[in-house]
Amino acid sequence: MLQLLDFYADWCGPCKIMAPVLEEVEKDFSKKLEVKRIDVEAEGAMAQEFGIFSIPTFVIMKEGKEVSRKEGAMPKEMLRSWINSHL
């Protein structure tokens, strides 16, 4: 199962736009993808460990290893296509 890490902050406008998109995508890929939301304010150490400099940042993890990352908001279909390329 893939894991999609969503690094966000409550005050981030693009992060707020992406939240419902991520919920839909997680439902679409129900048994193939787990979305984990990581608040960079509350979990600064984890954000630092991943070298997060801008938000939102999305990281695809496969078998515990980072395989891809993207920064910034994106349309649902672009997100779906990116995830599909790693399944």
PDB file of N, CA and C in Angstrom:
ATOM      1  N   MET A   1       0.843  -1.189   0.000  1.00  0.00           N
ATOM      2  CA  MET A   1       0.000   0.000   0.000  1.00  0.00           C
ATOM      3  C   MET A   1       0.884   1.247   0.000  1.00  0.00           C
ATOM      4  N   LEU A   2       0.533   2.184  -0.866  1.00  0.00           N
ATOM      5  CA  LEU A   2       1.238   3.459  -0.883  1.00  0.00           C
ATOM      6  C   LEU A   2       0.758   4.322   0.267  1.00  0.00           C
ATOM      7  N   GLN A   3       1.633   5.206   0.702  1.00  0.00           N
ATOM      8  CA  GLN A   3       1.257   6.192   1.701  1.00  0.00           C
ATOM      9  C   GLN A   3       1.544   7.564   1.100  1.00  0.00           C
ATOM     10  N   LEU A   4       0.578   8.459   1.193  1.00  0.00           N
ATOM     11  CA  LEU A   4       0.749   9.830   0.727  1.00  0.00           C
ATOM     12  C   LEU A   4       0.815  10.731   1.945  1.00  0.00           C
ATOM     13  N   LEU A   5       1.962  11.352   2.156  1.00  0.00           N
ATOM     14  CA  LEU A   5       2.128  12.283   3.263  1.00  0.00           C
ATOM     15  C   LEU A   5       1.766  13.672   2.763  1.00  0.00           C
ATOM     16  N   ASP A   6       0.887  14.340   3.477  1.00  0.00           N
ATOM     17  CA  ASP A   6       0.441  15.691   3.138  1.00  0.00           C
ATOM     18  C   ASP A   6       0.954  16.630   4.220  1.00  0.00           C
ATOM     19  N   PHE A   7       2.009  17.373   3.911  1.00  0.00           N
ATOM     20  CA  PHE A   7       2.553  18.351   4.852  1.00  0.00           C
ATOM     21  C   PHE A   7       1.788  19.657   4.647  1.00  0.00           C
ATOM     22  N   TYR A   8       1.138  20.138   5.712  1.00  0.00           N
ATOM     23  CA  TYR A   8       0.254  21.299   5.610  1.00  0.00           C
ATOM     24  C   TYR A   8       0.338  22.150   6.876  1.00  0.00           C
ATOM     25  N   ALA A   9      -0.347  23.301   6.839  1.00  0.00           N
ATOM     26  CA  ALA A   9      -0.552  24.135   8.026  1.00  0.00           C
ATOM     27  C   ALA A   9      -1.972  24.681   7.951  1.00  0.00           C
ATOM     28  N   ASP A  10      -2.580  24.903   9.106  1.00  0.00           N
ATOM     29  CA  ASP A  10      -3.959  25.388   9.157  1.00  0.00           C
ATOM     30  C   ASP A  10      -4.131  26.751   8.492  1.00  0.00           C
ATOM     31  N   TRP A  11      -3.092  27.589   8.514  1.00  0.00           N
ATOM     32  CA  TRP A  11      -3.183  28.938   7.965  1.00  0.00           C
ATOM     33  C   TRP A  11      -2.887  28.995   6.460  1.00  0.00           C
ATOM     34  N   CYS A  12      -2.555  27.868   5.861  1.00  0.00           N
ATOM     35  CA  CYS A  12      -2.142  27.800   4.453  1.00  0.00           C
ATOM     36  C   CYS A  12      -3.358  27.677   3.530  1.00  0.00           C
ATOM     37  N   GLY A  13      -3.606  28.700   2.708  1.00  0.00           N
ATOM     38  CA  GLY A  13      -4.739  28.702   1.787  1.00  0.00           C
ATOM     39  C   GLY A  13      -4.747  27.530   0.820  1.00  0.00           C
ATOM     40  N   PRO A  14      -3.640  27.291   0.082  1.00  0.00           N
ATOM     41  CA  PRO A  14      -3.616  26.153  -0.837  1.00  0.00           C
ATOM     42  C   PRO A  14      -3.806  24.807  -0.125  1.00  0.00           C
ATOM     43  N   CYS A  15      -3.348  24.715   1.117  1.00  0.00           N
ATOM     44  CA  CYS A  15      -3.534  23.478   1.892  1.00  0.00           C
ATOM     45  C   CYS A  15      -5.021  23.241   2.146  1.00  0.00           C
ATOM     46  N   LYS A  16      -5.749  24.318   2.456  1.00  0.00           N
ATOM     47  CA  LYS A  16      -7.189  24.208   2.701  1.00  0.00           C
ATOM     48  C   LYS A  16      -7.919  23.779   1.436  1.00  0.00           C
ATOM     49  N   ILE A  17      -7.464  24.269   0.285  1.00  0.00           N
ATOM     50  CA  ILE A  17      -8.073  23.893  -0.994  1.00  0.00           C
ATOM     51  C   ILE A  17      -7.861  22.405  -1.266  1.00  0.00           C
ATOM     52  N   MET A  18      -6.689  21.895  -0.915  1.00  0.00           N
ATOM     53  CA  MET A  18      -6.344  20.502  -1.206  1.00  0.00           C
ATOM     54  C   MET A  18      -6.995  19.501  -0.258  1.00  0.00           C
ATOM     55  N   ALA A  19      -7.398  19.915   0.935  1.00  0.00           N
ATOM     56  CA  ALA A  19      -7.939  18.977   1.932  1.00  0.00           C
ATOM     57  C   ALA A  19      -9.102  18.137   1.391  1.00  0.00           C
ATOM     58  N   PRO A  20     -10.153  18.745   0.806  1.00  0.00           N
ATOM     59  CA  PRO A  20     -11.245  17.907   0.294  1.00  0.00           C
ATOM     60  C   PRO A  20     -10.831  17.066  -0.915  1.00  0.00           C
ATOM     61  N   VAL A  21      -9.899  17.569  -1.714  1.00  0.00           N
ATOM     62  CA  VAL A  21      -9.390  16.812  -2.865  1.00  0.00           C
ATOM     63  C   VAL A  21      -8.698  15.544  -2.373  1.00  0.00           C
ATOM     64  N   LEU A  22      -7.893  15.672  -1.325  1.00  0.00           N
ATOM     65  CA  LEU A  22      -7.194  14.515  -0.761  1.00  0.00           C
ATOM     66  C   LEU A  22      -8.175  13.494  -0.191  1.00  0.00           C
ATOM     67  N   GLU A  23      -9.244  13.972   0.437  1.00  0.00           N
ATOM     68  CA  GLU A  23     -10.260  13.055   0.967  1.00  0.00           C
ATOM     69  C   GLU A  23     -10.893  12.248  -0.164  1.00  0.00           C
ATOM     70  N   GLU A  24     -11.214  12.923  -1.270  1.00  0.00           N
ATOM     71  CA  GLU A  24     -11.807  12.231  -2.422  1.00  0.00           C
ATOM     72  C   GLU A  24     -10.841  11.209  -3.010  1.00  0.00           C
ATOM     73  N   VAL A  25      -9.590  11.616  -3.166  1.00  0.00           N
ATOM     74  CA  VAL A  25      -8.579  10.730  -3.754  1.00  0.00           C
ATOM     75  C   VAL A  25      -8.348   9.517  -2.861  1.00  0.00           C
ATOM     76  N   GLU A  26      -8.337   9.729  -1.543  1.00  0.00           N
ATOM     77  CA  GLU A  26      -8.150   8.601  -0.629  1.00  0.00           C
ATOM     78  C   GLU A  26      -9.303   7.604  -0.786  1.00  0.00           C
ATOM     79  N   LYS A  27     -10.522   8.095  -0.960  1.00  0.00           N
ATOM     80  CA  LYS A  27     -11.671   7.201  -1.183  1.00  0.00           C
ATOM     81  C   LYS A  27     -11.540   6.478  -2.522  1.00  0.00           C
ATOM     82  N   ASP A  28     -11.105   7.210  -3.550  1.00  0.00           N
ATOM     83  CA  ASP A  28     -10.950   6.623  -4.890  1.00  0.00           C
ATOM     84  C   ASP A  28      -9.945   5.469  -4.900  1.00  0.00           C
ATOM     85  N   PHE A  29      -8.887   5.602  -4.106  1.00  0.00           N
ATOM     86  CA  PHE A  29      -7.824   4.591  -4.049  1.00  0.00           C
ATOM     87  C   PHE A  29      -7.912   3.788  -2.754  1.00  0.00           C
ATOM     88  N   SER A  30      -9.117   3.574  -2.253  1.00  0.00           N
ATOM     89  CA  SER A  30      -9.367   3.059  -0.905  1.00  0.00           C
ATOM     90  C   SER A  30      -8.426   1.977  -0.393  1.00  0.00           C
ATOM     91  N   LYS A  31      -8.152   0.946  -1.140  1.00  0.00           N
ATOM     92  CA  LYS A  31      -7.316  -0.138  -0.606  1.00  0.00           C
ATOM     93  C   LYS A  31      -5.886  -0.085  -1.116  1.00  0.00           C
ATOM     94  N   LYS A  32      -5.557   0.972  -1.848  1.00  0.00           N
ATOM     95  CA  LYS A  32      -4.217   1.082  -2.427  1.00  0.00           C
ATOM     96  C   LYS A  32      -3.416   2.237  -1.848  1.00  0.00           C
ATOM     97  N   LEU A  33      -4.107   3.165  -1.145  1.00  0.00           N
ATOM     98  CA  LEU A  33      -3.464   4.396  -0.691  1.00  0.00           C
ATOM     99  C   LEU A  33      -3.966   4.806   0.684  1.00  0.00           C
ATOM    100  N   GLU A  34      -3.033   5.216   1.519  1.00  0.00           N
ATOM    101  CA  GLU A  34      -3.363   5.800   2.820  1.00  0.00           C
ATOM    102  C   GLU A  34      -2.816   7.223   2.819  1.00  0.00           C
ATOM    103  N   VAL A  35      -3.668   8.189   3.157  1.00  0.00           N
ATOM    104  CA  VAL A  35      -3.237   9.581   3.243  1.00  0.00           C
ATOM    105  C   VAL A  35      -2.976   9.914   4.703  1.00  0.00           C
ATOM    106  N   LYS A  36      -1.810  10.470   4.968  1.00  0.00           N
ATOM    107  CA  LYS A  36      -1.465  10.895   6.326  1.00  0.00           C
ATOM    108  C   LYS A  36      -1.197  12.392   6.288  1.00  0.00           C
ATOM    109  N   ARG A  37      -1.996  13.157   7.020  1.00  0.00           N
ATOM    110  CA  ARG A  37      -1.832  14.612   7.067  1.00  0.00           C
ATOM    111  C   ARG A  37      -0.882  14.968   8.200  1.00  0.00           C
ATOM    112  N   ILE A  38       0.110  15.786   7.897  1.00  0.00           N
ATOM    113  CA  ILE A  38       1.123  16.161   8.880  1.00  0.00           C
ATOM    114  C   ILE A  38       1.161  17.679   9.000  1.00  0.00           C
ATOM    115  N   ASP A  39       0.723  18.181  10.152  1.00  0.00           N
ATOM    116  CA  ASP A  39       0.722  19.618  10.432  1.00  0.00           C
ATOM    117  C   ASP A  39       2.160  20.039  10.744  1.00  0.00           C
ATOM    118  N   VAL A  40       2.738  20.878   9.879  1.00  0.00           N
ATOM    119  CA  VAL A  40       4.146  21.260  10.056  1.00  0.00           C
ATOM    120  C   VAL A  40       4.368  22.080  11.319  1.00  0.00           C
ATOM    121  N   GLU A  41       3.322  22.723  11.818  1.00  0.00           N
ATOM    122  CA  GLU A  41       3.451  23.500  13.053  1.00  0.00           C
ATOM    123  C   GLU A  41       3.529  22.562  14.264  1.00  0.00           C
ATOM    124  N   ALA A  42       2.684  21.537  14.272  1.00  0.00           N
ATOM    125  CA  ALA A  42       2.633  20.602  15.396  1.00  0.00           C
ATOM    126  C   ALA A  42       3.725  19.541  15.314  1.00  0.00           C
ATOM    127  N   GLU A  43       4.131  19.198  14.089  1.00  0.00           N
ATOM    128  CA  GLU A  43       5.127  18.139  13.900  1.00  0.00           C
ATOM    129  C   GLU A  43       6.333  18.674  13.128  1.00  0.00           C
ATOM    130  N   GLY A  44       6.910  19.744  13.670  1.00  0.00           N
ATOM    131  CA  GLY A  44       8.045  20.403  13.029  1.00  0.00           C
ATOM    132  C   GLY A  44       9.238  19.499  12.819  1.00  0.00           C
ATOM    133  N   ALA A  45       9.486  18.592  13.758  1.00  0.00           N
ATOM    134  CA  ALA A  45      10.638  17.688  13.630  1.00  0.00           C
ATOM    135  C   ALA A  45      10.478  16.781  12.411  1.00  0.00           C
ATOM    136  N   MET A  46       9.266  16.295  12.192  1.00  0.00           N
ATOM    137  CA  MET A  46       9.036  15.425  11.040  1.00  0.00           C
ATOM    138  C   MET A  46       9.168  16.218   9.739  1.00  0.00           C
ATOM    139  N   ALA A  47       8.646  17.441   9.732  1.00  0.00           N
ATOM    140  CA  ALA A  47       8.772  18.302   8.551  1.00  0.00           C
ATOM    141  C   ALA A  47      10.245  18.577   8.257  1.00  0.00           C
ATOM    142  N   GLN A  48      11.019  18.802   9.298  1.00  0.00           N
ATOM    143  CA  GLN A  48      12.453  19.051   9.130  1.00  0.00           C
ATOM    144  C   GLN A  48      13.159  17.793   8.620  1.00  0.00           C
ATOM    145  N   GLU A  49      12.792  16.649   9.157  1.00  0.00           N
ATOM    146  CA  GLU A  49      13.380  15.375   8.735  1.00  0.00           C
ATOM    147  C   GLU A  49      13.174  15.141   7.234  1.00  0.00           C
ATOM    148  N   PHE A  50      12.011  15.566   6.723  1.00  0.00           N
ATOM    149  CA  PHE A  50      11.700  15.398   5.303  1.00  0.00           C
ATOM    150  C   PHE A  50      12.166  16.588   4.457  1.00  0.00           C
ATOM    151  N   GLY A  51      12.762  17.599   5.101  1.00  0.00           N
ATOM    152  CA  GLY A  51      13.263  18.750   4.356  1.00  0.00           C
ATOM    153  C   GLY A  51      12.163  19.566   3.700  1.00  0.00           C
ATOM    154  N   ILE A  52      11.077  19.784   4.434  1.00  0.00           N
ATOM    155  CA  ILE A  52       9.940  20.523   3.891  1.00  0.00           C
ATOM    156  C   ILE A  52      10.218  22.023   3.995  1.00  0.00           C
ATOM    157  N   PHE A  53      10.192  22.693   2.835  1.00  0.00           N
ATOM    158  CA  PHE A  53      10.441  24.131   2.791  1.00  0.00           C
ATOM    159  C   PHE A  53       9.220  24.927   2.365  1.00  0.00           C
ATOM    160  N   SER A  54       8.272  24.285   1.691  1.00  0.00           N
ATOM    161  CA  SER A  54       7.045  24.971   1.296  1.00  0.00           C
ATOM    162  C   SER A  54       5.874  24.014   1.480  1.00  0.00           C
ATOM    163  N   ILE A  55       4.703  24.609   1.651  1.00  0.00           N
ATOM    164  CA  ILE A  55       3.513  23.794   1.844  1.00  0.00           C
ATOM    165  C   ILE A  55       2.417  24.283   0.909  1.00  0.00           C
ATOM    166  N   PRO A  56       1.548  23.399   0.483  1.00  0.00           N
ATOM    167  CA  PRO A  56       1.580  21.974   0.781  1.00  0.00           C
ATOM    168  C   PRO A  56       2.686  21.254   0.019  1.00  0.00           C
ATOM    169  N   THR A  57       3.233  20.235   0.664  1.00  0.00           N
ATOM    170  CA  THR A  57       4.161  19.310   0.013  1.00  0.00           C
ATOM    171  C   THR A  57       3.580  17.916   0.189  1.00  0.00           C
ATOM    172  N   PHE A  58       3.586  17.164  -0.903  1.00  0.00           N
ATOM    173  CA  PHE A  58       3.057  15.803  -0.906  1.00  0.00           C
ATOM    174  C   PHE A  58       4.196  14.839  -1.184  1.00  0.00           C
ATOM    175  N   VAL A  59       4.305  13.809  -0.362  1.00  0.00           N
ATOM    176  CA  VAL A  59       5.371  12.815  -0.499  1.00  0.00           C
ATOM    177  C   VAL A  59       4.727  11.440  -0.622  1.00  0.00           C
ATOM    178  N   ILE A  60       5.098  10.716  -1.666  1.00  0.00           N
ATOM    179  CA  ILE A  60       4.625   9.338  -1.819  1.00  0.00           C
ATOM    180  C   ILE A  60       5.677   8.414  -1.231  1.00  0.00           C
ATOM    181  N   MET A  61       5.218   7.561  -0.307  1.00  0.00           N
ATOM    182  CA  MET A  61       6.080   6.578   0.337  1.00  0.00           C
ATOM    183  C   MET A  61       5.656   5.189  -0.130  1.00  0.00           C
ATOM    184  N   LYS A  62       6.636   4.354  -0.446  1.00  0.00           N
ATOM    185  CA  LYS A  62       6.366   2.974  -0.842  1.00  0.00           C
ATOM    186  C   LYS A  62       7.333   2.100  -0.064  1.00  0.00           C
ATOM    187  N   GLU A  63       6.781   1.165   0.698  1.00  0.00           N
ATOM    188  CA  GLU A  63       7.580   0.273   1.538  1.00  0.00           C
ATOM    189  C   GLU A  63       8.521   1.061   2.453  1.00  0.00           C
ATOM    190  N   GLY A  64       8.003   2.167   3.006  1.00  0.00           N
ATOM    191  CA  GLY A  64       8.751   2.964   3.965  1.00  0.00           C
ATOM    192  C   GLY A  64       9.786   3.903   3.379  1.00  0.00           C
ATOM    193  N   LYS A  65       9.850   3.991   2.050  1.00  0.00           N
ATOM    194  CA  LYS A  65      10.844   4.857   1.408  1.00  0.00           C
ATOM    195  C   LYS A  65      10.157   5.883   0.522  1.00  0.00           C
ATOM    196  N   GLU A  66      10.707   7.103   0.519  1.00  0.00           N
ATOM    197  CA  GLU A  66      10.179   8.140  -0.360  1.00  0.00           C
ATOM    198  C   GLU A  66      10.472   7.781  -1.811  1.00  0.00           C
ATOM    199  N   VAL A  67       9.432   7.826  -2.645  1.00  0.00           N
ATOM    200  CA  VAL A  67       9.619   7.539  -4.069  1.00  0.00           C
ATOM    201  C   VAL A  67       9.344   8.759  -4.944  1.00  0.00           C
ATOM    202  N   SER A  68       8.619   9.745  -4.406  1.00  0.00           N
ATOM    203  CA  SER A  68       8.331  10.942  -5.192  1.00  0.00           C
ATOM    204  C   SER A  68       7.782  12.028  -4.279  1.00  0.00           C
ATOM    205  N   ARG A  69       7.919  13.282  -4.741  1.00  0.00           N
ATOM    206  CA  ARG A  69       7.322  14.396  -4.003  1.00  0.00           C
ATOM    207  C   ARG A  69       6.920  15.499  -4.956  1.00  0.00           C
ATOM    208  N   LYS A  70       5.903  16.242  -4.553  1.00  0.00           N
ATOM    209  CA  LYS A  70       5.429  17.403  -5.309  1.00  0.00           C
ATOM    210  C   LYS A  70       5.084  18.493  -4.310  1.00  0.00           C
ATOM    211  N   GLU A  71       5.291  19.732  -4.736  1.00  0.00           N
ATOM    212  CA  GLU A  71       4.954  20.882  -3.904  1.00  0.00           C
ATOM    213  C   GLU A  71       3.842  21.680  -4.563  1.00  0.00           C
ATOM    214  N   GLY A  72       2.967  22.235  -3.731  1.00  0.00           N
ATOM    215  CA  GLY A  72       1.912  23.106  -4.225  1.00  0.00           C
ATOM    216  C   GLY A  72       0.614  22.383  -4.527  1.00  0.00           C
ATOM    217  N   ALA A  73      -0.449  23.185  -4.597  1.00  0.00           N
ATOM    218  CA  ALA A  73      -1.773  22.650  -4.909  1.00  0.00           C
ATOM    219  C   ALA A  73      -1.804  22.187  -6.358  1.00  0.00           C
ATOM    220  N   MET A  74      -2.660  21.208  -6.635  1.00  0.00           N
ATOM    221  CA  MET A  74      -2.795  20.698  -8.000  1.00  0.00           C
ATOM    222  C   MET A  74      -4.217  20.194  -8.200  1.00  0.00           C
ATOM    223  N   PRO A  75      -4.667  20.145  -9.448  1.00  0.00           N
ATOM    224  CA  PRO A  75      -6.001  19.609  -9.718  1.00  0.00           C
ATOM    225  C   PRO A  75      -6.089  18.127  -9.345  1.00  0.00           C
ATOM    226  N   LYS A  76      -7.296  17.691  -9.029  1.00  0.00           N
ATOM    227  CA  LYS A  76      -7.519  16.303  -8.612  1.00  0.00           C
ATOM    228  C   LYS A  76      -6.979  15.314  -9.639  1.00  0.00           C
ATOM    229  N   GLU A  77      -7.227  15.559 -10.923  1.00  0.00           N
ATOM    230  CA  GLU A  77      -6.785  14.608 -11.947  1.00  0.00           C
ATOM    231  C   GLU A  77      -5.266  14.512 -12.027  1.00  0.00           C
ATOM    232  N   MET A  78      -4.574  15.621 -11.792  1.00  0.00           N
ATOM    233  CA  MET A  78      -3.110  15.594 -11.787  1.00  0.00           C
ATOM    234  C   MET A  78      -2.607  14.769 -10.600  1.00  0.00           C
ATOM    235  N   LEU A  79      -3.246  14.945  -9.452  1.00  0.00           N
ATOM    236  CA  LEU A  79      -2.886  14.184  -8.258  1.00  0.00           C
ATOM    237  C   LEU A  79      -3.134  12.692  -8.484  1.00  0.00           C
ATOM    238  N   ARG A  80      -4.290  12.364  -9.058  1.00  0.00           N
ATOM    239  CA  ARG A  80      -4.625  10.955  -9.346  1.00  0.00           C
ATOM    240  C   ARG A  80      -3.602  10.335 -10.297  1.00  0.00           C
ATOM    241  N   SER A  81      -3.248  11.062 -11.332  1.00  0.00           N
ATOM    242  CA  SER A  81      -2.292  10.565 -12.321  1.00  0.00           C
ATOM    243  C   SER A  81      -0.931  10.314 -11.683  1.00  0.00           C
ATOM    244  N   TRP A  82      -0.498  11.235 -10.827  1.00  0.00           N
ATOM    245  CA  TRP A  82       0.786  11.104 -10.135  1.00  0.00           C
ATOM    246  C   TRP A  82       0.781   9.866  -9.237  1.00  0.00           C
ATOM    247  N   ILE A  83      -0.307   9.673  -8.488  1.00  0.00           N
ATOM    248  CA  ILE A  83      -0.422   8.501  -7.612  1.00  0.00           C
ATOM    249  C   ILE A  83      -0.423   7.223  -8.448  1.00  0.00           C
ATOM    250  N   ASN A  84      -1.219   7.214  -9.519  1.00  0.00           N
ATOM    251  CA  ASN A  84      -1.296   6.034 -10.396  1.00  0.00           C
ATOM    252  C   ASN A  84       0.062   5.632 -10.942  1.00  0.00           C
ATOM    253  N   SER A  85       0.913   6.609 -11.196  1.00  0.00           N
ATOM    254  CA  SER A  85       2.232   6.305 -11.765  1.00  0.00           C
ATOM    255  C   SER A  85       3.129   5.552 -10.785  1.00  0.00           C
ATOM    256  N   HIS A  86       2.712   5.480  -9.518  1.00  0.00           N
ATOM    257  CA  HIS A  86       3.513   4.789  -8.496  1.00  0.00           C
ATOM    258  C   HIS A  86       2.850   3.520  -7.967  1.00  0.00           C
ATOM    259  N   LEU A  87       1.699   3.168  -8.510  1.00  0.00           N
ATOM    260  CA  LEU A  87       1.019   1.941  -8.063  1.00  0.00           C
ATOM    261  C   LEU A  87       1.584   0.725  -8.772  1.00  0.00           C
TER     262      LEU A  87
END
